[in-house]
Amino acid sequence: MDRDEEQLLRRRVYGADHDHPGPRPGRRYVELIGGPLDGLLLDITGWTRDEVDAGVALATELGQFGAGGRAMYDPRPGDPLRFDWTGDTP
């Protein structure tokens, strides 16, 4: 995979339609850092501050527990644009 392809993959949005996998104008995103979803964007448009602060557990087949597992991400202190991977859960 060349560098340009890698850049395109890193701009994909978690859970987005395969025909339109990239970010959309007017939406708010955070970047997922580490773990099985590293580099994907997560659309947090409309989330409350409490919802953002709570972090997320995102369904993925790529984590330690395979199908049905979830990757957990928490907001990075002092960096509102990034969520860090904290582990996988069944």
N, C-alpha and C. Protein backbone atom coordinates (compact mmCIF):
# COMPACT_ATOMS: atom_id res chain seq x y z
N MET A 1 0.85 -1.17 0.00
CA MET A 1 0.00 0.00 0.00
C MET A 1 0.91 1.24 0.00
N ASP A 2 0.65 2.15 -0.92
CA ASP A 2 1.48 3.36 -0.96
C ASP A 2 0.96 4.41 0.02
N ARG A 3 1.74 5.44 0.19
CA ARG A 3 1.42 6.49 1.18
C ARG A 3 0.09 7.19 0.90
N ASP A 4 -0.22 7.45 -0.38
CA ASP A 4 -1.49 8.10 -0.72
C ASP A 4 -2.69 7.25 -0.32
N GLU A 5 -2.61 5.95 -0.59
CA GLU A 5 -3.70 5.05 -0.20
C GLU A 5 -3.86 5.02 1.31
N GLU A 6 -2.74 5.02 2.02
CA GLU A 6 -2.77 5.03 3.47
C GLU A 6 -3.47 6.28 4.00
N GLN A 7 -3.17 7.43 3.40
CA GLN A 7 -3.82 8.68 3.80
C GLN A 7 -5.33 8.63 3.58
N LEU A 8 -5.76 8.06 2.46
CA LEU A 8 -7.19 7.94 2.19
C LEU A 8 -7.87 7.06 3.23
N LEU A 9 -7.25 5.94 3.56
CA LEU A 9 -7.85 5.05 4.54
C LEU A 9 -7.97 5.72 5.89
N ARG A 10 -7.02 6.53 6.24
CA ARG A 10 -7.03 7.19 7.55
C ARG A 10 -8.11 8.25 7.65
N ARG A 11 -8.69 8.64 6.56
CA ARG A 11 -9.73 9.66 6.60
C ARG A 11 -11.13 9.04 6.55
N ARG A 12 -11.23 7.76 6.64
CA ARG A 12 -12.54 7.12 6.65
C ARG A 12 -13.24 7.37 7.97
N VAL A 13 -14.55 7.39 7.91
CA VAL A 13 -15.37 7.63 9.09
C VAL A 13 -15.94 6.30 9.58
N TYR A 14 -15.80 6.03 10.87
CA TYR A 14 -16.33 4.82 11.47
C TYR A 14 -17.83 4.75 11.22
N GLY A 15 -18.31 3.62 10.72
CA GLY A 15 -19.73 3.40 10.51
C GLY A 15 -20.33 4.08 9.29
N ALA A 16 -19.50 4.75 8.49
CA ALA A 16 -20.02 5.47 7.32
C ALA A 16 -20.39 4.51 6.19
N ASP A 17 -21.25 4.98 5.33
CA ASP A 17 -21.65 4.26 4.12
C ASP A 17 -20.41 3.99 3.26
N HIS A 18 -20.29 2.78 2.74
CA HIS A 18 -19.12 2.42 1.92
C HIS A 18 -19.01 3.27 0.66
N ASP A 19 -20.12 3.77 0.16
CA ASP A 19 -20.08 4.62 -1.03
C ASP A 19 -19.58 6.03 -0.72
N HIS A 20 -19.71 6.44 0.54
CA HIS A 20 -19.29 7.78 0.96
C HIS A 20 -18.58 7.67 2.32
N PRO A 21 -17.36 7.09 2.32
CA PRO A 21 -16.70 6.79 3.58
C PRO A 21 -16.01 7.97 4.26
N GLY A 22 -15.89 9.11 3.58
CA GLY A 22 -15.14 10.23 4.14
C GLY A 22 -15.97 11.19 4.96
N PRO A 23 -15.28 12.13 5.58
CA PRO A 23 -15.99 13.13 6.38
C PRO A 23 -16.87 14.03 5.53
N ARG A 24 -17.95 14.53 6.12
CA ARG A 24 -18.89 15.41 5.42
C ARG A 24 -18.82 16.81 6.01
N PRO A 25 -19.01 17.82 5.18
CA PRO A 25 -19.00 19.19 5.68
C PRO A 25 -20.07 19.42 6.74
N GLY A 26 -19.76 20.27 7.70
CA GLY A 26 -20.74 20.62 8.72
C GLY A 26 -20.87 19.61 9.84
N ARG A 27 -20.05 18.58 9.84
CA ARG A 27 -20.10 17.56 10.89
C ARG A 27 -18.89 17.75 11.81
N ARG A 28 -18.97 17.20 13.02
CA ARG A 28 -17.88 17.29 13.99
C ARG A 28 -17.30 15.89 14.20
N TYR A 29 -15.98 15.78 14.09
CA TYR A 29 -15.31 14.49 14.17
C TYR A 29 -14.17 14.51 15.18
N VAL A 30 -13.89 13.33 15.73
CA VAL A 30 -12.66 13.11 16.49
C VAL A 30 -11.92 11.97 15.82
N GLU A 31 -10.61 11.95 15.95
CA GLU A 31 -9.80 10.88 15.38
C GLU A 31 -9.58 9.81 16.44
N LEU A 32 -9.75 8.55 16.05
CA LEU A 32 -9.51 7.42 16.94
C LEU A 32 -8.02 7.07 16.86
N ILE A 33 -7.37 7.00 18.02
CA ILE A 33 -5.93 6.78 18.08
C ILE A 33 -5.66 5.44 18.76
N GLY A 34 -4.90 4.58 18.09
CA GLY A 34 -4.53 3.28 18.64
C GLY A 34 -5.61 2.24 18.45
N GLY A 35 -5.30 1.02 18.81
CA GLY A 35 -6.27 -0.06 18.75
C GLY A 35 -6.69 -0.43 17.34
N PRO A 36 -7.74 -1.23 17.24
CA PRO A 36 -8.16 -1.76 15.94
C PRO A 36 -8.77 -0.73 15.00
N LEU A 37 -9.19 0.41 15.50
CA LEU A 37 -9.83 1.43 14.66
C LEU A 37 -8.94 2.65 14.47
N ASP A 38 -7.66 2.48 14.72
CA ASP A 38 -6.69 3.56 14.63
C ASP A 38 -6.79 4.33 13.32
N GLY A 39 -6.88 5.65 13.43
CA GLY A 39 -6.90 6.51 12.26
C GLY A 39 -8.28 6.81 11.71
N LEU A 40 -9.28 6.05 12.10
CA LEU A 40 -10.64 6.35 11.63
C LEU A 40 -11.16 7.59 12.35
N LEU A 41 -12.10 8.24 11.72
CA LEU A 41 -12.78 9.37 12.33
C LEU A 41 -14.11 8.90 12.92
N LEU A 42 -14.51 9.51 14.01
CA LEU A 42 -15.80 9.21 14.63
C LEU A 42 -16.63 10.47 14.61
N ASP A 43 -17.83 10.39 14.04
CA ASP A 43 -18.73 11.52 13.96
C ASP A 43 -19.39 11.73 15.32
N ILE A 44 -19.11 12.88 15.95
CA ILE A 44 -19.70 13.19 17.25
C ILE A 44 -20.64 14.39 17.15
N THR A 45 -21.11 14.67 15.96
CA THR A 45 -22.05 15.77 15.76
C THR A 45 -23.29 15.55 16.64
N GLY A 46 -23.65 16.56 17.38
CA GLY A 46 -24.84 16.48 18.23
C GLY A 46 -24.62 15.85 19.58
N TRP A 47 -23.42 15.36 19.86
CA TRP A 47 -23.16 14.76 21.17
C TRP A 47 -23.09 15.87 22.23
N THR A 48 -23.58 15.58 23.42
CA THR A 48 -23.44 16.51 24.54
C THR A 48 -22.03 16.39 25.11
N ARG A 49 -21.65 17.34 25.93
CA ARG A 49 -20.33 17.31 26.57
C ARG A 49 -20.19 16.05 27.43
N ASP A 50 -21.25 15.67 28.13
CA ASP A 50 -21.22 14.47 28.97
C ASP A 50 -21.01 13.21 28.12
N GLU A 51 -21.66 13.15 26.96
CA GLU A 51 -21.49 12.00 26.08
C GLU A 51 -20.06 11.91 25.57
N VAL A 52 -19.49 13.03 25.19
CA VAL A 52 -18.10 13.05 24.73
C VAL A 52 -17.17 12.62 25.86
N ASP A 53 -17.37 13.17 27.04
CA ASP A 53 -16.50 12.86 28.18
C ASP A 53 -16.57 11.40 28.60
N ALA A 54 -17.69 10.73 28.34
CA ALA A 54 -17.86 9.33 28.72
C ALA A 54 -17.08 8.37 27.84
N GLY A 55 -16.68 8.81 26.64
CA GLY A 55 -16.00 7.90 25.72
C GLY A 55 -16.99 6.96 25.06
N VAL A 56 -16.45 5.99 24.30
CA VAL A 56 -17.32 5.09 23.55
C VAL A 56 -16.76 3.67 23.53
N ALA A 57 -17.64 2.71 23.30
CA ALA A 57 -17.28 1.33 23.02
C ALA A 57 -17.88 1.03 21.65
N LEU A 58 -17.01 0.90 20.64
CA LEU A 58 -17.45 0.77 19.25
C LEU A 58 -17.35 -0.67 18.76
N ALA A 59 -18.41 -1.15 18.17
CA ALA A 59 -18.43 -2.51 17.63
C ALA A 59 -17.37 -2.65 16.54
N THR A 60 -16.61 -3.75 16.62
CA THR A 60 -15.62 -4.05 15.59
C THR A 60 -15.29 -5.53 15.60
N GLU A 61 -15.02 -6.06 14.43
CA GLU A 61 -14.58 -7.45 14.30
C GLU A 61 -13.06 -7.53 14.33
N LEU A 62 -12.39 -6.39 14.39
CA LEU A 62 -10.94 -6.33 14.30
C LEU A 62 -10.24 -6.42 15.65
N GLY A 63 -10.97 -6.33 16.73
CA GLY A 63 -10.38 -6.32 18.06
C GLY A 63 -10.06 -7.71 18.59
N GLN A 64 -9.62 -7.75 19.82
CA GLN A 64 -9.21 -8.98 20.50
C GLN A 64 -10.31 -10.03 20.55
N PHE A 65 -11.57 -9.61 20.60
CA PHE A 65 -12.67 -10.55 20.77
C PHE A 65 -13.42 -10.88 19.48
N GLY A 66 -12.93 -10.40 18.34
CA GLY A 66 -13.54 -10.72 17.05
C GLY A 66 -14.96 -10.20 16.94
N ALA A 67 -15.75 -10.91 16.14
CA ALA A 67 -17.14 -10.51 15.90
C ALA A 67 -17.89 -10.36 17.22
N GLY A 68 -18.59 -9.26 17.37
CA GLY A 68 -19.34 -9.00 18.60
C GLY A 68 -18.54 -8.23 19.63
N GLY A 69 -17.24 -8.09 19.41
CA GLY A 69 -16.40 -7.36 20.36
C GLY A 69 -16.50 -5.86 20.15
N ARG A 70 -15.98 -5.13 21.10
CA ARG A 70 -16.00 -3.67 21.03
C ARG A 70 -14.61 -3.13 21.39
N ALA A 71 -14.25 -2.04 20.73
CA ALA A 71 -13.03 -1.31 21.05
C ALA A 71 -13.43 -0.08 21.85
N MET A 72 -12.77 0.14 22.97
CA MET A 72 -13.12 1.26 23.85
C MET A 72 -12.16 2.43 23.62
N TYR A 73 -12.73 3.61 23.50
CA TYR A 73 -11.96 4.84 23.28
C TYR A 73 -12.44 5.92 24.23
N ASP A 74 -11.48 6.63 24.83
CA ASP A 74 -11.79 7.74 25.73
C ASP A 74 -11.17 9.02 25.18
N PRO A 75 -11.80 10.17 25.47
CA PRO A 75 -11.24 11.43 25.00
C PRO A 75 -9.85 11.66 25.60
N ARG A 76 -8.96 12.19 24.78
CA ARG A 76 -7.61 12.50 25.24
C ARG A 76 -7.65 13.80 26.05
N PRO A 77 -7.16 13.77 27.28
CA PRO A 77 -7.15 15.00 28.09
C PRO A 77 -6.38 16.12 27.37
N GLY A 78 -7.01 17.27 27.29
CA GLY A 78 -6.38 18.42 26.68
C GLY A 78 -6.38 18.44 25.16
N ASP A 79 -6.94 17.41 24.53
CA ASP A 79 -6.97 17.36 23.06
C ASP A 79 -8.36 16.91 22.61
N PRO A 80 -9.27 17.84 22.40
CA PRO A 80 -10.65 17.50 22.08
C PRO A 80 -10.86 16.85 20.71
N LEU A 81 -9.81 16.75 19.91
CA LEU A 81 -9.95 16.17 18.58
C LEU A 81 -9.52 14.71 18.51
N ARG A 82 -9.14 14.11 19.64
CA ARG A 82 -8.64 12.73 19.61
C ARG A 82 -9.23 11.91 20.76
N PHE A 83 -9.57 10.66 20.44
CA PHE A 83 -9.98 9.67 21.43
C PHE A 83 -8.92 8.57 21.41
N ASP A 84 -8.41 8.21 22.58
CA ASP A 84 -7.39 7.17 22.69
C ASP A 84 -8.00 5.82 23.03
N TRP A 85 -7.45 4.78 22.42
CA TRP A 85 -7.88 3.41 22.66
C TRP A 85 -7.49 3.01 24.07
N THR A 86 -8.43 2.40 24.81
CA THR A 86 -8.16 1.96 26.17
C THR A 86 -8.28 0.46 26.33
N GLY A 87 -8.65 -0.25 25.28
CA GLY A 87 -8.74 -1.70 25.34
C GLY A 87 -9.94 -2.22 24.58
N ASP A 88 -10.07 -3.55 24.58
CA ASP A 88 -11.19 -4.22 23.92
C ASP A 88 -12.04 -4.91 24.97
N THR A 89 -13.29 -5.11 24.64
CA THR A 89 -14.22 -5.80 25.53
C THR A 89 -15.11 -6.72 24.70
N PRO A 90 -15.55 -7.84 25.29
CA PRO A 90 -16.42 -8.74 24.52
C PRO A 90 -17.79 -8.14 24.24
